[in-house]
Amino acid sequence: MGSRDKLIVRMRSHPEKVRFEELVRLLRASGYEERQVRGSHHRFVRPAGGPAIHLVRPHGREPYCRPWEVLEVLAAIEESNDDRT
């Protein structure tokens, strides 16, 4: 099991404890590119197609991403993996 797979397993088991940098690393490893940044809002797309992902960088006292954003990213990555096979 590679580091990408380990990261996915950890995110599935604890979506409330995922940092923004970890999500970005996973998206880049899955073929997504950061296309637009406006303040704390980041937009990721895959050049090969697939759903665009919008993330809000946590700020203030909250160090972790929102759990629903993490689950959205995992679902999009799983969908894009299904499209490849």
N, C-alpha and C. Protein backbone atom coordinates (compact mmCIF):
# COMPACT_ATOMS: atom_id res chain seq x y z
N MET A 1 0.86 -1.17 0.00
CA MET A 1 0.00 0.00 0.00
C MET A 1 0.90 1.23 0.00
N GLY A 2 0.69 2.12 -0.97
CA GLY A 2 1.50 3.32 -1.09
C GLY A 2 1.05 4.41 -0.13
N SER A 3 1.80 5.49 -0.09
CA SER A 3 1.48 6.58 0.84
C SER A 3 0.16 7.24 0.47
N ARG A 4 -0.16 7.29 -0.85
CA ARG A 4 -1.45 7.86 -1.28
C ARG A 4 -2.60 7.03 -0.73
N ASP A 5 -2.48 5.71 -0.81
CA ASP A 5 -3.53 4.82 -0.31
C ASP A 5 -3.67 4.92 1.21
N LYS A 6 -2.56 5.03 1.90
CA LYS A 6 -2.60 5.18 3.36
C LYS A 6 -3.29 6.48 3.75
N LEU A 7 -3.02 7.55 2.99
CA LEU A 7 -3.65 8.83 3.25
C LEU A 7 -5.16 8.74 3.04
N ILE A 8 -5.59 8.05 1.99
CA ILE A 8 -7.02 7.88 1.73
C ILE A 8 -7.69 7.10 2.85
N VAL A 9 -7.05 6.04 3.31
CA VAL A 9 -7.62 5.23 4.41
C VAL A 9 -7.76 6.08 5.67
N ARG A 10 -6.74 6.88 5.97
CA ARG A 10 -6.79 7.73 7.17
C ARG A 10 -7.88 8.79 7.04
N MET A 11 -8.03 9.36 5.84
CA MET A 11 -9.06 10.38 5.63
C MET A 11 -10.46 9.80 5.75
N ARG A 12 -10.64 8.57 5.28
CA ARG A 12 -11.95 7.93 5.39
C ARG A 12 -12.31 7.66 6.85
N SER A 13 -11.32 7.25 7.63
CA SER A 13 -11.61 6.90 9.02
C SER A 13 -11.75 8.13 9.92
N HIS A 14 -11.08 9.25 9.58
CA HIS A 14 -11.15 10.46 10.40
C HIS A 14 -11.23 11.70 9.52
N PRO A 15 -12.37 11.93 8.84
CA PRO A 15 -12.46 13.09 7.95
C PRO A 15 -12.41 14.43 8.69
N GLU A 16 -12.64 14.41 9.98
CA GLU A 16 -12.61 15.66 10.75
C GLU A 16 -11.20 16.08 11.13
N LYS A 17 -10.20 15.25 10.87
CA LYS A 17 -8.81 15.53 11.25
C LYS A 17 -7.88 15.60 10.04
N VAL A 18 -8.33 16.25 8.96
CA VAL A 18 -7.54 16.34 7.74
C VAL A 18 -7.15 17.79 7.51
N ARG A 19 -5.88 18.01 7.33
CA ARG A 19 -5.38 19.37 7.06
C ARG A 19 -5.48 19.69 5.58
N PHE A 20 -5.55 20.98 5.28
CA PHE A 20 -5.70 21.45 3.90
C PHE A 20 -4.55 20.96 3.03
N GLU A 21 -3.33 21.00 3.55
CA GLU A 21 -2.15 20.59 2.79
C GLU A 21 -2.23 19.12 2.39
N GLU A 22 -2.82 18.29 3.26
CA GLU A 22 -2.97 16.87 2.95
C GLU A 22 -3.96 16.67 1.81
N LEU A 23 -5.05 17.43 1.82
CA LEU A 23 -6.02 17.34 0.73
C LEU A 23 -5.40 17.77 -0.59
N VAL A 24 -4.63 18.85 -0.56
CA VAL A 24 -3.98 19.33 -1.77
C VAL A 24 -3.00 18.28 -2.30
N ARG A 25 -2.23 17.68 -1.41
CA ARG A 25 -1.27 16.64 -1.81
C ARG A 25 -1.99 15.45 -2.46
N LEU A 26 -3.12 15.05 -1.88
CA LEU A 26 -3.88 13.94 -2.44
C LEU A 26 -4.47 14.30 -3.81
N LEU A 27 -4.98 15.51 -3.93
CA LEU A 27 -5.54 15.93 -5.22
C LEU A 27 -4.48 15.96 -6.31
N ARG A 28 -3.33 16.50 -5.99
CA ARG A 28 -2.24 16.56 -6.99
C ARG A 28 -1.77 15.16 -7.36
N ALA A 29 -1.69 14.27 -6.40
CA ALA A 29 -1.28 12.89 -6.68
C ALA A 29 -2.32 12.16 -7.52
N SER A 30 -3.55 12.64 -7.50
CA SER A 30 -4.64 12.01 -8.26
C SER A 30 -4.86 12.67 -9.62
N GLY A 31 -3.99 13.59 -9.98
CA GLY A 31 -4.08 14.19 -11.31
C GLY A 31 -4.80 15.52 -11.39
N TYR A 32 -5.15 16.09 -10.26
CA TYR A 32 -5.83 17.39 -10.25
C TYR A 32 -4.80 18.52 -10.26
N GLU A 33 -5.19 19.64 -10.85
CA GLU A 33 -4.36 20.84 -10.86
C GLU A 33 -5.14 21.99 -10.23
N GLU A 34 -4.41 22.82 -9.51
CA GLU A 34 -5.04 24.01 -8.92
C GLU A 34 -5.16 25.07 -10.01
N ARG A 35 -6.38 25.46 -10.32
CA ARG A 35 -6.59 26.39 -11.43
C ARG A 35 -6.89 27.81 -10.98
N GLN A 36 -7.50 27.96 -9.83
CA GLN A 36 -7.93 29.30 -9.44
C GLN A 36 -7.87 29.43 -7.93
N VAL A 37 -7.36 30.57 -7.48
CA VAL A 37 -7.33 30.87 -6.05
C VAL A 37 -7.85 32.29 -5.88
N ARG A 38 -8.85 32.42 -5.04
CA ARG A 38 -9.39 33.74 -4.68
C ARG A 38 -9.50 33.79 -3.16
N GLY A 39 -8.54 34.41 -2.55
CA GLY A 39 -8.51 34.45 -1.10
C GLY A 39 -8.26 33.06 -0.55
N SER A 40 -9.19 32.56 0.25
CA SER A 40 -9.04 31.23 0.83
C SER A 40 -9.76 30.16 0.01
N HIS A 41 -10.35 30.54 -1.12
CA HIS A 41 -11.09 29.59 -1.96
C HIS A 41 -10.19 29.08 -3.09
N HIS A 42 -10.09 27.76 -3.19
CA HIS A 42 -9.23 27.11 -4.17
C HIS A 42 -10.08 26.20 -5.06
N ARG A 43 -9.78 26.21 -6.35
CA ARG A 43 -10.51 25.38 -7.31
C ARG A 43 -9.52 24.44 -7.99
N PHE A 44 -9.86 23.15 -7.99
CA PHE A 44 -9.03 22.11 -8.59
C PHE A 44 -9.81 21.43 -9.72
N VAL A 45 -9.12 21.18 -10.84
CA VAL A 45 -9.72 20.47 -11.96
C VAL A 45 -8.74 19.43 -12.48
N ARG A 46 -9.29 18.43 -13.19
CA ARG A 46 -8.44 17.42 -13.85
C ARG A 46 -8.38 17.76 -15.32
N PRO A 47 -7.19 17.83 -15.90
CA PRO A 47 -7.08 18.10 -17.33
C PRO A 47 -7.79 17.05 -18.18
N ALA A 48 -7.86 15.81 -17.69
CA ALA A 48 -8.50 14.73 -18.42
C ALA A 48 -10.03 14.76 -18.29
N GLY A 49 -10.54 15.71 -17.53
CA GLY A 49 -11.99 15.80 -17.31
C GLY A 49 -12.36 15.30 -15.94
N GLY A 50 -13.61 15.45 -15.60
CA GLY A 50 -14.09 15.03 -14.29
C GLY A 50 -14.60 16.24 -13.53
N PRO A 51 -15.12 16.02 -12.35
CA PRO A 51 -15.72 17.11 -11.59
C PRO A 51 -14.66 18.08 -11.05
N ALA A 52 -15.02 19.35 -11.03
CA ALA A 52 -14.16 20.36 -10.40
C ALA A 52 -14.40 20.30 -8.89
N ILE A 53 -13.37 20.59 -8.13
CA ILE A 53 -13.47 20.54 -6.68
C ILE A 53 -13.14 21.92 -6.13
N HIS A 54 -14.02 22.41 -5.28
CA HIS A 54 -13.82 23.71 -4.63
C HIS A 54 -13.56 23.47 -3.15
N LEU A 55 -12.44 24.01 -2.67
CA LEU A 55 -12.09 23.88 -1.26
C LEU A 55 -11.90 25.25 -0.65
N VAL A 56 -12.23 25.35 0.63
CA VAL A 56 -11.98 26.58 1.37
C VAL A 56 -10.89 26.28 2.38
N ARG A 57 -9.79 27.05 2.28
CA ARG A 57 -8.67 26.86 3.22
C ARG A 57 -9.14 27.30 4.61
N PRO A 58 -8.99 26.44 5.61
CA PRO A 58 -9.40 26.81 6.97
C PRO A 58 -8.57 27.99 7.46
N HIS A 59 -9.21 28.89 8.17
CA HIS A 59 -8.49 30.02 8.73
C HIS A 59 -9.04 30.31 10.11
N GLY A 60 -8.35 31.14 10.81
CA GLY A 60 -8.72 31.39 12.20
C GLY A 60 -8.14 30.31 13.08
N ARG A 61 -8.91 29.88 14.04
CA ARG A 61 -8.43 28.87 14.99
C ARG A 61 -8.63 27.44 14.50
N GLU A 62 -9.34 27.26 13.41
CA GLU A 62 -9.63 25.90 12.92
C GLU A 62 -8.51 25.41 12.00
N PRO A 63 -7.73 24.39 12.42
CA PRO A 63 -6.63 23.91 11.58
C PRO A 63 -7.05 22.86 10.55
N TYR A 64 -8.27 22.32 10.68
CA TYR A 64 -8.68 21.21 9.83
C TYR A 64 -9.76 21.63 8.84
N CYS A 65 -9.80 20.90 7.72
CA CYS A 65 -10.84 21.12 6.72
C CYS A 65 -12.18 20.60 7.24
N ARG A 66 -13.23 21.08 6.61
CA ARG A 66 -14.56 20.59 6.99
C ARG A 66 -14.71 19.14 6.54
N PRO A 67 -15.30 18.29 7.38
CA PRO A 67 -15.43 16.87 7.03
C PRO A 67 -16.16 16.63 5.71
N TRP A 68 -17.18 17.41 5.42
CA TRP A 68 -17.92 17.20 4.17
C TRP A 68 -17.05 17.50 2.95
N GLU A 69 -16.10 18.42 3.08
CA GLU A 69 -15.17 18.70 1.97
C GLU A 69 -14.25 17.50 1.73
N VAL A 70 -13.80 16.90 2.80
CA VAL A 70 -12.92 15.74 2.70
C VAL A 70 -13.66 14.59 2.01
N LEU A 71 -14.90 14.34 2.42
CA LEU A 71 -15.68 13.27 1.82
C LEU A 71 -15.98 13.56 0.35
N GLU A 72 -16.19 14.84 0.03
CA GLU A 72 -16.41 15.23 -1.37
C GLU A 72 -15.17 14.94 -2.22
N VAL A 73 -14.01 15.26 -1.71
CA VAL A 73 -12.76 14.99 -2.43
C VAL A 73 -12.57 13.48 -2.63
N LEU A 74 -12.79 12.70 -1.59
CA LEU A 74 -12.64 11.25 -1.70
C LEU A 74 -13.60 10.67 -2.72
N ALA A 75 -14.84 11.16 -2.75
CA ALA A 75 -15.83 10.67 -3.72
C ALA A 75 -15.41 11.03 -5.14
N ALA A 76 -14.90 12.24 -5.35
CA ALA A 76 -14.47 12.67 -6.69
C ALA A 76 -13.27 11.84 -7.16
N ILE A 77 -12.34 11.56 -6.26
CA ILE A 77 -11.17 10.76 -6.63
C ILE A 77 -11.59 9.33 -6.96
N GLU A 78 -12.50 8.79 -6.17
CA GLU A 78 -13.00 7.44 -6.43
C GLU A 78 -13.73 7.39 -7.78
N GLU A 79 -14.52 8.41 -8.07
CA GLU A 79 -15.24 8.49 -9.35
C GLU A 79 -14.26 8.59 -10.53
N SER A 80 -13.22 9.39 -10.37
CA SER A 80 -12.25 9.52 -11.45
C SER A 80 -11.45 8.23 -11.63
N ASN A 81 -11.21 7.49 -10.55
CA ASN A 81 -10.52 6.20 -10.66
C ASN A 81 -11.42 5.18 -11.36
N ASP A 82 -12.72 5.24 -11.11
CA ASP A 82 -13.66 4.33 -11.77
C ASP A 82 -13.73 4.62 -13.26
N ASP A 83 -13.60 5.89 -13.64
CA ASP A 83 -13.66 6.27 -15.04
C ASP A 83 -12.45 5.77 -15.81
N ARG A 84 -11.31 5.65 -15.14
CA ARG A 84 -10.08 5.21 -15.79
C ARG A 84 -10.10 3.72 -16.11
N THR A 85 -10.80 2.94 -15.28
CA THR A 85 -10.80 1.48 -15.48
C THR A 85 -11.93 1.02 -16.34
